[in-house]
Protein backbone atom coordinates (compact mmCIF):
# COMPACT_ATOMS: atom_id res chain seq x y z
CA MET A 1 11.16 -9.20 -7.44
CA ASP A 2 14.77 -9.83 -6.42
CA GLU A 3 15.06 -12.89 -4.16
CA GLY A 4 17.38 -11.05 -1.79
CA GLN A 5 14.90 -8.22 -1.38
CA TYR A 6 12.03 -10.63 -0.79
CA SER A 7 14.00 -12.61 1.80
CA LEU A 8 15.03 -9.44 3.62
CA CYS A 9 11.43 -8.17 3.60
CA SER A 10 10.23 -11.49 5.03
CA ARG A 11 12.78 -11.41 7.85
CA MET A 12 11.92 -7.80 8.64
CA LEU A 13 8.20 -8.55 8.76
CA ALA A 14 8.80 -11.60 10.94
CA LYS A 15 10.52 -9.38 13.50
CA LEU A 16 7.61 -6.91 13.48
CA ASP A 17 5.17 -9.81 13.80
CA ARG A 18 6.91 -11.29 16.85
CA GLU A 19 6.51 -7.92 18.58
CA GLY A 20 2.78 -7.82 17.80
CA ILE A 21 3.06 -4.83 15.48
CA LEU A 22 1.58 -6.33 12.32
CA ARG A 23 -1.84 -6.93 13.84
CA HIS A 24 -2.25 -3.15 14.18
CA VAL A 25 -0.97 -1.99 10.79
CA ILE A 26 -1.62 -2.48 7.06
CA ILE A 27 0.94 -3.10 4.33
CA VAL A 28 0.29 -0.68 1.46
CA GLY A 29 2.12 0.19 -1.75
CA SER A 30 3.47 -2.10 -4.44
CA TRP A 31 4.37 -4.96 -2.09
CA CYS A 32 0.63 -5.62 -1.81
CA LEU A 33 0.76 -7.09 -5.30
CA LEU A 34 2.83 -10.00 -3.99
CA GLY A 35 0.56 -10.38 -0.97
CA TYR A 36 -2.49 -10.81 -3.22
CA GLU A 37 -1.28 -14.10 -4.73
CA GLU A 38 -3.42 -16.07 -2.27
CA PHE A 39 -6.50 -13.95 -3.05
CA PHE A 40 -6.08 -14.61 -6.79
CA ALA A 41 -5.12 -18.26 -6.41
CA GLY A 42 -7.77 -19.46 -8.89
CA ILE A 43 -6.44 -17.51 -11.89
CA GLU A 44 -3.14 -16.75 -13.58
CA TYR A 45 -1.59 -13.97 -11.52
CA HIS A 46 1.99 -12.78 -12.09
CA PRO A 47 2.43 -9.16 -10.99
CA LEU A 48 5.60 -7.31 -11.89
CA VAL A 49 6.96 -5.56 -8.80
CA ARG A 50 10.03 -3.37 -8.91
CA THR A 51 10.34 -1.27 -5.80
CA THR A 52 12.55 -0.92 -2.77
CA ASP A 53 9.92 0.91 -0.69
CA ILE A 54 7.94 -0.93 1.98
CA ASP A 55 5.09 1.30 3.17
CA ILE A 56 3.26 0.47 6.39
CA LEU A 57 0.01 2.26 7.13
CA VAL A 58 -0.82 2.91 10.78
CA PRO A 59 -4.59 3.48 11.18
CA LEU A 60 -5.60 6.22 13.60
CA PRO A 61 -5.96 6.19 16.51
CA THR A 62 -2.93 3.95 17.05
CA ARG A 63 -3.46 0.80 19.13
CA PHE A 64 -0.02 -0.59 19.91
CA ARG A 65 -0.01 -2.49 23.22
CA LYS A 66 3.66 -2.02 24.04
CA ARG A 67 6.63 0.06 23.06
CA VAL A 68 9.07 -1.31 20.51
CA ASN A 69 12.07 0.60 19.20
CA ILE A 70 12.14 -0.12 15.47
CA GLU A 71 15.71 1.08 15.05
CA SER A 72 16.97 -1.39 17.66
CA LEU A 73 14.69 -4.16 16.41
CA LEU A 74 16.03 -4.00 12.85
CA LYS A 75 19.65 -3.21 13.63
CA ASP A 76 20.88 -6.78 13.13
CA LEU A 77 19.34 -6.75 9.62
CA ASP A 78 21.51 -3.69 8.85
CA PHE A 79 18.68 -1.16 8.71
CA VAL A 80 19.71 2.32 9.82
CA ILE A 81 17.52 5.26 10.71
CA SER A 82 17.31 8.00 8.12
CA LEU A 83 15.79 11.48 8.28
CA ARG A 84 14.09 12.67 5.11
CA GLY A 85 12.75 16.06 4.12
CA SER A 86 12.85 19.39 5.91
CA HIS A 87 10.55 18.20 8.72
CA GLY A 88 12.55 15.10 9.67
CA ASN A 89 10.41 12.22 8.41
CA ILE A 90 11.94 9.05 9.81
CA SER A 91 12.55 6.07 7.53
CA PHE A 92 14.58 2.91 7.99
CA LEU A 93 17.13 2.38 5.28
CA HIS A 94 18.87 -0.74 4.01
CA ARG A 95 20.92 -0.94 0.83
CA GLU A 96 18.09 -3.02 -0.69
CA LEU A 97 14.96 -1.70 1.04
CA LEU A 98 13.40 1.43 2.50
CA LEU A 99 10.81 1.08 5.28
CA GLU A 100 8.43 3.95 6.03
CA PHE A 101 5.38 4.37 8.22
CA LEU A 102 2.36 6.31 6.97
CA VAL A 103 -0.82 7.67 8.56
CA PRO A 104 -3.96 9.07 6.90
CA GLU A 105 -3.91 12.83 6.48
CA GLN A 106 -6.80 14.33 8.45
CA GLY A 107 -8.57 17.66 8.24
CA ARG A 108 -6.58 20.39 6.54
CA GLY A 109 -3.46 18.26 6.65
CA SER A 110 0.07 19.04 7.78
CA ASP A 111 3.58 18.69 6.39
CA LYS A 112 4.89 17.70 9.80
CA PRO A 113 5.37 13.99 10.53
CA TYR A 114 2.97 12.21 12.87
CA PRO A 115 4.77 10.98 16.03
CA LEU A 116 4.72 7.25 16.77
CA PRO A 117 6.37 7.10 20.20
CA ASP A 118 5.43 3.43 20.65
CA LEU A 119 7.69 2.60 17.71
CA GLY A 120 10.43 5.15 18.25
CA ALA A 121 9.54 6.61 14.88
CA ASN A 122 7.22 8.97 13.08
CA ALA A 123 4.93 8.64 10.09
CA GLN A 124 4.35 10.63 6.95
CA ARG A 125 0.81 11.96 6.52
CA LEU A 126 -0.75 11.18 3.12
CA ARG A 127 -4.16 11.72 1.58
CA PHE A 128 -6.57 8.93 0.59
CA LEU A 129 -5.12 6.35 3.01
CA SER A 130 -8.36 6.09 5.00
CA PHE A 131 -9.92 4.65 1.84
CA LEU A 132 -7.38 1.82 1.90
CA ALA A 133 -7.82 1.15 5.61
CA ALA A 134 -11.62 0.88 5.43
CA ASP A 135 -11.65 -2.64 3.92
CA THR A 136 -8.77 -5.07 4.39
CA ILE A 137 -7.91 -8.73 3.87
CA TRP A 138 -5.16 -11.03 5.13
CA GLY A 139 -2.41 -12.23 2.83
CA THR A 140 1.08 -13.66 3.08
CA LEU A 141 4.49 -12.17 2.40
CA GLY A 142 7.22 -14.72 2.90
CA ASP A 143 5.93 -16.82 5.76
CA VAL A 144 4.26 -13.89 7.51
CA ARG A 145 0.54 -13.11 7.61
CA VAL A 146 -0.07 -9.44 6.90
CA ARG A 147 -3.08 -7.20 6.57
CA LEU A 148 -3.57 -5.64 3.13
CA PRO A 149 -6.10 -3.28 1.56
CA HIS A 150 -8.82 -5.15 -0.33
CA PRO A 151 -7.55 -5.48 -3.93
CA ALA A 152 -10.48 -3.42 -5.26
CA ARG A 153 -9.52 -0.52 -3.03
CA PHE A 154 -5.84 -0.96 -3.85
CA GLY A 155 -6.53 -0.82 -7.58
CA LEU A 156 -8.82 2.20 -7.41
CA HIS A 157 -6.43 4.00 -5.04
CA LYS A 158 -3.55 3.45 -7.47
CA LEU A 159 -5.60 4.99 -10.27
CA LEU A 160 -6.62 7.93 -8.10
CA VAL A 161 -3.04 8.63 -7.04
CA SER A 162 -1.80 8.31 -10.62
CA THR A 163 -3.81 11.37 -11.63
CA ARG A 164 -1.88 13.46 -9.09
CA ARG A 165 1.60 12.34 -10.12
CA LYS A 166 3.82 14.94 -11.76
CA LYS A 167 6.41 12.47 -13.06
CA ALA A 168 5.25 10.45 -16.05
CA ALA A 169 7.10 7.27 -15.00
CA LYS A 170 5.42 7.16 -11.59
CA ARG A 171 2.05 8.08 -13.08
CA ASP A 172 2.29 5.27 -15.62
CA ASN A 173 3.46 2.75 -13.01
CA ASP A 174 0.58 3.55 -10.66
CA ARG A 175 -1.97 3.34 -13.48
CA ARG A 176 -0.52 0.08 -14.75
CA GLN A 177 -0.62 -1.55 -11.30
CA GLY A 178 -4.13 -0.32 -10.61
CA ILE A 179 -5.47 -1.57 -13.93
CA TYR A 180 -3.72 -4.94 -13.50
CA VAL A 181 -5.40 -5.60 -10.15
CA LEU A 182 -8.83 -4.46 -11.38
CA GLU A 183 -8.40 -6.63 -14.48
CA LYS A 184 -7.70 -9.65 -12.25
CA LEU A 185 -10.75 -8.89 -10.12
CA VAL A 186 -12.91 -8.89 -13.25
CA GLU A 187 -11.26 -12.10 -14.45
CA SER A 188 -11.94 -13.81 -11.11
CA GLY A 189 -15.62 -12.85 -11.15
CA LYS A 190 -15.37 -10.11 -8.53
CA LYS A 191 -16.81 -7.20 -10.52
CA ARG A 192 -19.14 -6.39 -7.64
CA ASP A 193 -16.17 -5.85 -5.32
CA VAL A 194 -14.90 -3.18 -7.71
CA ARG A 195 -18.29 -1.44 -7.88
CA VAL A 196 -18.76 -1.49 -4.09
CA ALA A 197 -15.32 0.06 -3.50
CA TYR A 198 -15.91 2.60 -6.27
CA GLU A 199 -19.25 3.65 -4.80
CA ALA A 200 -17.53 4.30 -1.47
CA MET A 201 -15.40 7.02 -3.10
CA HIS A 202 -16.20 10.71 -3.21
CA GLU A 203 -17.53 11.80 -6.61
CA LYS A 204 -14.40 13.87 -7.25
CA TRP A 205 -12.29 10.74 -6.73
CA ARG A 206 -14.56 8.74 -9.04
CA ARG A 207 -14.06 11.25 -11.82
CA ALA A 208 -10.29 10.96 -11.41
CA VAL A 209 -10.49 7.15 -11.52
CA ARG A 210 -12.60 7.22 -14.68
CA ARG A 211 -10.17 9.65 -16.27
CA ALA A 212 -7.24 7.33 -15.50
CA LEU A 213 -9.09 4.33 -16.92
CA GLU A 214 -10.04 6.20 -20.09
CA GLU A 215 -6.35 6.88 -20.79
CA ASP A 216 -5.59 3.17 -21.24
CA PRO A 217 -7.10 0.61 -23.66
CA LEU A 218 -7.43 -1.99 -20.87
CA GLY A 219 -9.04 0.68 -18.73
CA HIS A 220 -11.84 1.02 -21.28
CA VAL A 221 -12.48 -2.71 -20.97
CA ILE A 222 -12.68 -2.45 -17.16
CA LEU A 223 -15.12 0.43 -17.41
CA GLN A 224 -17.31 -1.61 -19.71
CA GLU A 225 -17.09 -4.81 -17.67
CA THR A 226 -17.76 -3.21 -14.29
CA GLY A 227 -20.24 -0.54 -15.35
CA LEU A 228 -18.48 2.23 -13.40
CA GLU A 229 -20.26 5.51 -13.98
């Protein structure tokens, strides 16, 4: 991870934290790998993270206690508001980072962004995010305490999402990250955490996870070690 990116992310998160936003949201996506260093403190843990995207999950219903305009809050860090896609998804763009808010897709789903008036923004709706939000831990990015999905759920979610990727590079990256985290859970003696998270998945999701694991030699080892069926 580039030091400039990491420093910028830390300063951005510190601003969100001072406004009380971080207590109501969950950091998801590849930045979680850096936040898990404390969780895996007892073993060798050196994740490779190459991404500019910072994804922040807002559980529903939202619980913000005051209104904060994200565009104004991050202006002095040189973030600018950006509209993406035909429906106007709002993101916050810096030459080194891209910040987006996400919410779990509910029911039949919708392509339209979910309004977040308390943040002066909107969020993209994505499937499977409720699975991440159901079990979280606290970690540290920079000097900021952040809420993260439990590593077992992160790893299984990455594998699940990988099976839906159309681009090979993204599919391989998701599978690699998911397997790495599950491998570290096994190494740290937390096989049960993997099984508990796996059993909380729908059977269709479990089949997709097994399929992703079977496509990688390390995945076969994880299947054997954890007894996922």
